[in-house]
Amino acid sequence: MRHGSKKKKFGRTSKQRDALMRGLAVSLIQNHRITTTKAKAKALRPVVEKLVTRGKSLSLSTTRLLASRLPLVSVHKLLKEISPKFAQRSGGYTRIRTLPLRASDGAEMAIIEFVN
């Protein structure tokens, strides 16, 4: 039973889910926009928003924390380009736009991107 559990499992173990979210977050940080399923986009949004909020404070501990969760290239891009854009914003850094259903299996598709 899933009482009190709000996380989507995506048919994966917890380590596989963490790796999936990490990979999607890195892709979003590097490309500023990715196309994925709607469920994965909704699960990715809080992960990325927490990373951006953490990146807004430029301290050594923040850099180390982000480096423990992301590759260094993504950490530098997050700290130098993305987080400073949202310095005056208190949340809502991403938007999810729906797309037509995927032709092969009918999955709901979406684009997740950083707002301007």
C-alpha atoms as a PDB file:
ATOM      1  CA  MET A   1       0.000   0.000   0.000  1.00  0.00           C
ATOM      2  CA  ARG A   2       1.111   3.541  -0.690  1.00  0.00           C
ATOM      3  CA  HIS A   3      -0.385   5.383   2.265  1.00  0.00           C
ATOM      4  CA  GLY A   4       1.399   8.687   2.798  1.00  0.00           C
ATOM      5  CA  SER A   5       3.767   8.172  -0.141  1.00  0.00           C
ATOM      6  CA  LYS A   6       3.488  10.805  -2.836  1.00  0.00           C
ATOM      7  CA  LYS A   7       6.516   9.833  -4.916  1.00  0.00           C
ATOM      8  CA  LYS A   8       6.017   8.219  -8.290  1.00  0.00           C
ATOM      9  CA  LYS A   9       8.018   5.021  -8.555  1.00  0.00           C
ATOM     10  CA  PHE A  10       8.187   4.705 -12.363  1.00  0.00           C
ATOM     11  CA  GLY A  11       8.667   0.944 -11.954  1.00  0.00           C
ATOM     12  CA  ARG A  12      12.216   1.459 -10.665  1.00  0.00           C
ATOM     13  CA  THR A  13      14.162   0.945  -7.469  1.00  0.00           C
ATOM     14  CA  SER A  14      15.093   3.994  -5.397  1.00  0.00           C
ATOM     15  CA  LYS A  15      18.649   4.111  -6.780  1.00  0.00           C
ATOM     16  CA  GLN A  16      17.335   3.896 -10.329  1.00  0.00           C
ATOM     17  CA  ARG A  17      14.843   6.707  -9.620  1.00  0.00           C
ATOM     18  CA  ASP A  18      17.604   8.871  -8.150  1.00  0.00           C
ATOM     19  CA  ALA A  19      19.757   8.248 -11.229  1.00  0.00           C
ATOM     20  CA  LEU A  20      16.820   9.057 -13.511  1.00  0.00           C
ATOM     21  CA  MET A  21      16.098  12.345 -11.745  1.00  0.00           C
ATOM     22  CA  ARG A  22      19.798  13.243 -11.683  1.00  0.00           C
ATOM     23  CA  GLY A  23      20.104  12.587 -15.419  1.00  0.00           C
ATOM     24  CA  LEU A  24      16.996  14.593 -16.241  1.00  0.00           C
ATOM     25  CA  ALA A  25      18.164  17.460 -14.006  1.00  0.00           C
ATOM     26  CA  VAL A  26      21.573  17.530 -15.697  1.00  0.00           C
ATOM     27  CA  SER A  27      19.925  17.556 -19.129  1.00  0.00           C
ATOM     28  CA  LEU A  28      17.619  20.383 -18.114  1.00  0.00           C
ATOM     29  CA  ILE A  29      20.470  22.448 -16.671  1.00  0.00           C
ATOM     30  CA  GLN A  30      22.634  21.915 -19.763  1.00  0.00           C
ATOM     31  CA  ASN A  31      19.911  22.475 -22.384  1.00  0.00           C
ATOM     32  CA  HIS A  32      17.429  24.759 -20.529  1.00  0.00           C
ATOM     33  CA  ARG A  33      14.581  22.673 -22.030  1.00  0.00           C
ATOM     34  CA  ILE A  34      13.875  18.960 -22.347  1.00  0.00           C
ATOM     35  CA  THR A  35      11.040  16.848 -23.716  1.00  0.00           C
ATOM     36  CA  THR A  36       9.938  13.952 -21.524  1.00  0.00           C
ATOM     37  CA  THR A  37       6.770  12.313 -20.264  1.00  0.00           C
ATOM     38  CA  LYS A  38       4.400  14.431 -18.239  1.00  0.00           C
ATOM     39  CA  ALA A  39       4.801  12.297 -15.111  1.00  0.00           C
ATOM     40  CA  LYS A  40       8.597  12.549 -15.209  1.00  0.00           C
ATOM     41  CA  ALA A  41       8.410  16.307 -15.786  1.00  0.00           C
ATOM     42  CA  LYS A  42       6.146  16.713 -12.764  1.00  0.00           C
ATOM     43  CA  ALA A  43       8.504  14.622 -10.645  1.00  0.00           C
ATOM     44  CA  LEU A  44      11.546  16.546 -11.914  1.00  0.00           C
ATOM     45  CA  ARG A  45      10.182  20.016 -11.153  1.00  0.00           C
ATOM     46  CA  PRO A  46      10.699  19.996  -7.340  1.00  0.00           C
ATOM     47  CA  VAL A  47      14.151  18.445  -7.725  1.00  0.00           C
ATOM     48  CA  VAL A  48      15.368  21.177 -10.080  1.00  0.00           C
ATOM     49  CA  GLU A  49      13.707  24.001  -8.181  1.00  0.00           C
ATOM     50  CA  LYS A  50      15.434  22.947  -4.962  1.00  0.00           C
ATOM     51  CA  LEU A  51      18.780  22.855  -6.779  1.00  0.00           C
ATOM     52  CA  VAL A  52      18.253  26.353  -8.216  1.00  0.00           C
ATOM     53  CA  THR A  53      17.197  27.722  -4.831  1.00  0.00           C
ATOM     54  CA  ARG A  54      20.276  26.179  -3.245  1.00  0.00           C
ATOM     55  CA  GLY A  55      22.457  27.645  -6.002  1.00  0.00           C
ATOM     56  CA  LYS A  56      21.274  31.184  -5.323  1.00  0.00           C
ATOM     57  CA  SER A  57      23.525  31.388  -2.268  1.00  0.00           C
ATOM     58  CA  LEU A  58      27.120  31.367  -3.491  1.00  0.00           C
ATOM     59  CA  SER A  59      29.004  29.676  -0.683  1.00  0.00           C
ATOM     60  CA  LEU A  60      31.535  26.903  -0.489  1.00  0.00           C
ATOM     61  CA  SER A  61      29.112  24.589   1.295  1.00  0.00           C
ATOM     62  CA  THR A  62      26.505  25.154  -1.417  1.00  0.00           C
ATOM     63  CA  THR A  63      29.015  24.385  -4.132  1.00  0.00           C
ATOM     64  CA  ARG A  64      30.090  21.197  -2.390  1.00  0.00           C
ATOM     65  CA  LEU A  65      26.507  20.090  -1.814  1.00  0.00           C
ATOM     66  CA  LEU A  66      25.610  20.649  -5.465  1.00  0.00           C
ATOM     67  CA  ALA A  67      28.812  18.910  -6.572  1.00  0.00           C
ATOM     68  CA  SER A  68      27.802  15.865  -4.559  1.00  0.00           C
ATOM     69  CA  ARG A  69      24.552  15.666  -6.523  1.00  0.00           C
ATOM     70  CA  LEU A  70      25.532  16.879 -10.000  1.00  0.00           C
ATOM     71  CA  PRO A  71      28.565  16.762 -12.312  1.00  0.00           C
ATOM     72  CA  LEU A  72      30.906  19.740 -11.992  1.00  0.00           C
ATOM     73  CA  VAL A  73      30.039  21.101 -15.436  1.00  0.00           C
ATOM     74  CA  SER A  74      26.383  21.315 -14.437  1.00  0.00           C
ATOM     75  CA  VAL A  75      27.242  22.824 -11.049  1.00  0.00           C
ATOM     76  CA  HIS A  76      29.237  25.625 -12.677  1.00  0.00           C
ATOM     77  CA  LYS A  77      26.476  26.322 -15.192  1.00  0.00           C
ATOM     78  CA  LEU A  78      23.883  26.332 -12.415  1.00  0.00           C
ATOM     79  CA  LEU A  79      25.906  28.686 -10.218  1.00  0.00           C
ATOM     80  CA  LYS A  80      27.149  31.057 -12.954  1.00  0.00           C
ATOM     81  CA  GLU A  81      24.232  31.242 -15.413  1.00  0.00           C
ATOM     82  CA  ILE A  82      20.947  29.879 -14.116  1.00  0.00           C
ATOM     83  CA  SER A  83      20.741  30.816 -10.431  1.00  0.00           C
ATOM     84  CA  PRO A  84      21.755  34.489 -10.901  1.00  0.00           C
ATOM     85  CA  LYS A  85      18.858  34.927 -13.365  1.00  0.00           C
ATOM     86  CA  PHE A  86      16.433  33.961 -10.603  1.00  0.00           C
ATOM     87  CA  ALA A  87      18.031  35.963  -7.784  1.00  0.00           C
ATOM     88  CA  GLN A  88      14.946  38.168  -7.337  1.00  0.00           C
ATOM     89  CA  ARG A  89      12.468  35.343  -7.816  1.00  0.00           C
ATOM     90  CA  SER A  90      11.270  33.345  -4.829  1.00  0.00           C
ATOM     91  CA  GLY A  91      10.249  30.203  -6.688  1.00  0.00           C
ATOM     92  CA  GLY A  92       8.585  28.912  -9.815  1.00  0.00           C
ATOM     93  CA  TYR A  93      11.727  28.629 -11.927  1.00  0.00           C
ATOM     94  CA  THR A  94      10.359  26.015 -14.322  1.00  0.00           C
ATOM     95  CA  ARG A  95       7.291  25.611 -16.497  1.00  0.00           C
ATOM     96  CA  ILE A  96       5.713  22.474 -17.880  1.00  0.00           C
ATOM     97  CA  ARG A  97       3.956  22.652 -21.237  1.00  0.00           C
ATOM     98  CA  THR A  98       1.966  19.686 -22.498  1.00  0.00           C
ATOM     99  CA  LEU A  99       2.481  18.157 -25.929  1.00  0.00           C
ATOM    100  CA  PRO A 100       0.374  15.735 -27.969  1.00  0.00           C
ATOM    101  CA  LEU A 101       0.422  12.083 -27.001  1.00  0.00           C
ATOM    102  CA  ARG A 102       3.440  10.032 -28.090  1.00  0.00           C
ATOM    103  CA  ALA A 103       2.591   8.050 -31.219  1.00  0.00           C
ATOM    104  CA  SER A 104       4.276   4.791 -30.223  1.00  0.00           C
ATOM    105  CA  ASP A 105       2.591   4.143 -26.881  1.00  0.00           C
ATOM    106  CA  GLY A 106       0.193   7.034 -26.276  1.00  0.00           C
ATOM    107  CA  ALA A 107       2.127   8.446 -23.313  1.00  0.00           C
ATOM    108  CA  GLU A 108       1.406  12.015 -22.290  1.00  0.00           C
ATOM    109  CA  MET A 109       4.391  14.140 -23.297  1.00  0.00           C
ATOM    110  CA  ALA A 110       5.545  17.485 -21.954  1.00  0.00           C
ATOM    111  CA  ILE A 111       8.293  20.067 -22.248  1.00  0.00           C
ATOM    112  CA  ILE A 112       9.901  21.255 -19.025  1.00  0.00           C
ATOM    113  CA  GLU A 113      11.921  24.458 -19.300  1.00  0.00           C
ATOM    114  CA  PHE A 114      13.261  27.338 -17.264  1.00  0.00           C
ATOM    115  CA  VAL A 115      11.121  30.466 -17.350  1.00  0.00           C
ATOM    116  CA  ASN A 116      12.661  33.648 -18.735  1.00  0.00           C
END
